Protein backbone atom coordinates (compact mmCIF):
# COMPACT_ATOMS: atom_id res chain seq x y z
CA MET A 1 294.79 -165.37 31.76
CA ARG A 2 298.46 -164.42 31.42
CA ASN A 3 297.70 -162.09 28.51
CA ARG A 4 294.52 -160.57 29.84
CA THR A 5 292.70 -159.49 32.94
CA LEU A 6 289.71 -160.67 34.92
CA ASN A 7 286.84 -158.30 35.56
CA SER A 8 283.82 -158.69 37.83
CA PHE A 9 281.78 -160.35 35.06
CA ASP A 10 284.46 -163.00 34.48
CA ILE A 11 284.62 -163.85 38.17
CA SER A 12 280.84 -163.78 38.57
CA ASP A 13 280.36 -166.12 35.59
CA PHE A 14 283.04 -168.52 36.85
CA LEU A 15 281.52 -168.65 40.32
CA ARG A 16 277.97 -169.09 39.03
CA GLU A 17 279.06 -171.92 36.71
CA ASN A 18 280.52 -173.65 39.77
CA GLY A 19 277.52 -173.20 42.04
CA VAL A 20 278.78 -170.24 44.06
CA ILE A 21 276.48 -167.27 44.43
CA ALA A 22 278.16 -163.91 45.03
CA SER A 23 276.70 -160.43 44.76
CA ASN A 24 278.23 -157.74 42.56
CA ASN A 25 279.32 -155.90 45.71
CA ASP A 26 281.07 -159.03 46.99
CA ILE A 27 282.98 -159.42 43.74
CA LYS A 28 283.87 -155.71 43.66
CA LEU A 29 285.16 -156.05 47.22
CA LEU A 30 287.28 -159.03 46.15
CA ILE A 31 288.74 -157.23 43.13
CA SER A 32 289.41 -153.99 45.00
CA SER A 33 291.30 -155.92 47.69
CA TYR A 34 293.85 -157.27 45.20
CA ASP A 35 293.73 -154.68 42.42
CA GLY A 36 297.13 -153.05 42.91
CA ASP A 37 296.85 -150.64 39.97
CA LYS A 38 293.21 -149.76 40.79
CA ASP A 39 291.96 -150.40 37.23
CA GLY A 40 288.97 -152.45 38.43
CA LYS A 41 290.40 -155.72 37.07
CA LEU A 42 292.85 -158.39 38.18
CA ASP A 43 295.90 -159.05 36.05
CA TYR A 44 297.83 -162.31 36.32
CA ARG A 45 300.05 -161.18 39.22
CA GLU A 46 297.10 -159.79 41.16
CA PHE A 47 295.20 -163.05 40.59
CA GLU A 48 298.20 -165.05 41.82
CA ARG A 49 298.34 -162.89 44.93
CA MET A 50 294.69 -163.67 45.60
CA VAL A 51 294.90 -167.45 45.21
CA LEU A 52 298.42 -168.38 46.31
CA PRO A 53 299.60 -168.73 49.91
CA HIS A 54 301.23 -165.51 51.02
CA THR A 55 303.46 -166.14 54.02
CA ASP A 56 304.13 -169.86 53.52
CA ALA A 57 306.99 -169.65 51.01
CA LEU A 58 307.40 -173.43 50.71
CA LEU A 59 303.75 -174.01 49.81
CA LYS A 60 303.79 -171.04 47.43
CA ASP A 61 306.89 -172.38 45.66
CA ARG A 62 305.38 -175.86 45.41
CA SER A 63 302.27 -174.35 43.83
CA LEU A 64 304.25 -172.31 41.33
CA LEU A 65 306.55 -175.19 40.35
CA ARG A 66 303.70 -177.44 39.23
CA PRO A 67 303.74 -177.97 35.47
CA GLU A 68 301.46 -175.64 33.57
CA GLU A 69 298.83 -176.97 31.21
CA PHE A 70 297.41 -174.93 28.37
CA VAL A 71 293.75 -174.06 28.77
CA GLY A 72 292.16 -172.39 25.76
CA MET A 73 289.65 -169.56 25.89
CA ARG A 74 286.68 -171.90 25.51
CA ASP A 75 288.19 -174.77 27.53
CA LYS A 76 287.52 -175.49 31.16
CA LEU A 77 289.86 -176.53 33.93
CA TYR A 78 289.50 -180.00 35.36
CA GLU A 79 286.30 -180.22 37.38
CA ASP A 80 288.06 -180.72 40.72
CA ILE A 81 290.32 -177.72 40.08
CA GLU A 82 287.38 -175.49 39.13
CA PHE A 83 285.49 -176.65 42.21
CA SER A 84 288.46 -175.97 44.51
CA LEU A 85 289.21 -172.59 42.94
CA SER A 86 285.58 -171.47 43.17
CA ARG A 87 285.49 -172.46 46.85
CA LEU A 88 288.76 -170.67 47.51
CA ILE A 89 287.32 -167.49 45.94
CA ARG A 90 284.09 -167.91 47.93
CA ASP A 91 286.10 -168.30 51.15
CA GLU A 92 288.16 -165.24 50.24
CA ILE A 93 285.02 -163.17 49.76
CA ASP A 94 283.65 -164.43 53.09
CA GLY A 95 286.95 -163.57 54.78
CA LEU A 96 286.94 -160.06 53.32
CA LYS A 97 283.39 -159.48 54.51
CA ILE A 98 284.30 -160.62 58.02
CA LEU A 99 287.42 -158.47 58.01
CA ASN A 100 285.39 -155.43 56.92
CA TYR A 101 282.85 -156.10 59.66
CA LYS A 102 285.63 -156.39 62.25
CA ARG A 103 287.25 -153.20 60.95
CA GLN A 104 283.97 -151.28 61.38
CA ASP A 105 283.44 -152.83 64.82
CA LEU A 106 286.93 -151.80 65.90
CA LYS A 107 286.55 -148.26 64.60
CA GLY A 108 283.21 -147.90 66.36
CA ARG A 109 284.67 -148.50 69.80
CA TYR A 110 284.80 -145.52 72.13
CA ASP A 111 288.46 -146.21 72.96
CA TYR A 112 289.56 -146.69 69.34
CA SER A 113 292.95 -145.34 68.33
CA ARG A 114 294.92 -146.49 65.28
CA TYR A 115 298.23 -146.18 67.04
CA GLU A 116 297.08 -147.97 70.21
CA CYS A 117 295.56 -150.78 68.21
CA PHE A 118 298.71 -151.27 66.14
CA SER A 119 300.92 -151.07 69.24
CA GLU A 120 298.78 -153.63 71.03
CA CYS A 121 299.41 -156.09 68.18
CA ASP A 122 303.12 -155.20 67.84
CA VAL A 123 304.17 -156.97 71.04
CA LEU A 124 307.87 -157.19 70.10
CA LYS A 125 307.90 -153.49 69.05
CA LEU A 126 309.33 -154.29 65.61
CA ARG A 127 307.15 -151.59 63.98
CA SER A 128 305.52 -154.21 61.80
CA LEU A 129 303.05 -157.04 62.26
CA GLN A 130 303.63 -160.56 61.10
CA ARG A 131 301.35 -163.56 60.94
CA GLN A 132 302.17 -164.65 64.49
CA ASP A 133 301.42 -161.17 65.90
CA ILE A 134 297.99 -161.16 64.25
CA LYS A 135 297.25 -164.70 65.42
CA GLU A 136 298.24 -164.01 69.04
CA PHE A 137 296.34 -160.72 69.19
CA ILE A 138 293.09 -162.20 67.87
CA ASN A 139 293.37 -165.27 70.09
CA LYS A 140 294.00 -162.97 73.07
CA THR A 141 290.65 -161.26 72.38
CA GLY A 142 288.87 -164.59 72.81
CA GLU A 143 288.26 -165.33 69.13
CA TYR A 144 290.01 -168.18 67.32
CA CYS A 145 292.63 -167.40 64.70
CA GLY A 146 294.68 -170.20 63.15
CA GLU A 147 297.80 -169.97 61.01
CA GLN A 148 295.81 -169.91 57.77
CA ASP A 149 293.44 -167.23 59.09
CA ALA A 150 296.34 -165.03 60.15
CA ASP A 151 298.06 -165.63 56.81
CA GLN A 152 294.95 -164.49 54.96
CA ILE A 153 294.66 -161.34 57.06
CA VAL A 154 298.30 -160.44 56.40
CA CYS A 155 297.80 -161.10 52.68
CA ARG A 156 294.81 -158.76 52.53
CA ILE A 157 296.52 -155.88 54.32
CA ASP A 158 300.17 -156.22 53.19
CA LYS A 159 300.37 -154.11 50.03
CA ASP A 160 304.11 -154.41 49.31
CA HIS A 161 304.11 -158.24 49.57
CA ASP A 162 306.86 -158.52 52.19
CA SER A 163 304.73 -160.71 54.51
CA ARG A 164 304.46 -158.05 57.20
CA ILE A 165 302.12 -155.16 57.91
CA THR A 166 303.66 -151.76 58.53
CA TYR A 167 301.85 -149.01 60.41
CA SER A 168 301.26 -147.24 57.11
CA GLU A 169 299.67 -150.36 55.57
CA PHE A 170 297.59 -150.80 58.71
CA CYS A 171 296.29 -147.22 58.45
CA ASP A 172 295.63 -147.63 54.72
CA PHE A 173 293.58 -150.73 55.50
CA LEU A 174 291.52 -148.82 58.06
CA ASP A 175 291.04 -145.95 55.60
CA GLU A 176 289.87 -148.32 52.83
CA GLY A 177 286.89 -149.16 54.97
CA GLU A 178 285.95 -145.49 55.28
CA GLN A 179 286.33 -144.94 51.55
CA SER A 180 284.16 -147.93 50.59
CA GLN A 181 281.56 -146.98 53.21
CA ASN A 182 281.47 -143.37 51.93
CA MET A 183 281.15 -144.62 48.35
CA SER A 184 278.24 -146.91 49.34
CA GLN A 185 276.49 -144.03 51.09
CA SER A 186 276.99 -141.77 48.06
CA LEU A 187 275.53 -144.42 45.76
CA ARG A 188 272.50 -144.89 48.00
CA GLN A 189 271.88 -141.12 48.18
CA SER A 190 272.08 -140.70 44.41
CA THR A 191 269.40 -143.31 43.72
């Protein structure tokens, strides 16, 4: 993996071999969410960003300090590791789908405003959102959001990897939904 990239076929094959069913659109959504250079594939750093904890530095460091074991091209990881990794990827896809649904729901509200929404979350007026801000805002709306849920949301939206969401990143996240929705509509019209 360090010398190559993962494409949608690699991820689809891995998931299928481990009993996880995911559509091509789900896998494309996953890749596009972590594909920093927009080449349609995940390199090693992008893959790490997807699977490692984002805002829990201690847990991330513990994960990275584990001894590496060589796994050849035709070799498999230990069964429990493959199982856990496939479930983590499945959960990530599910989380992205929920986040996209919530994004569309938010944008469909009659009183929707990017700035007002961001300001409502930015209680301390720091001009950025952190895990705790996201957690408190979602819990205030009556839905449950735990530390891990908030961490995953920050990870998906934070493009510069500083564990906080700026207004610009927030707007980019909202725009991504429009772009993917427009692309889906264009594909449907062309068929």
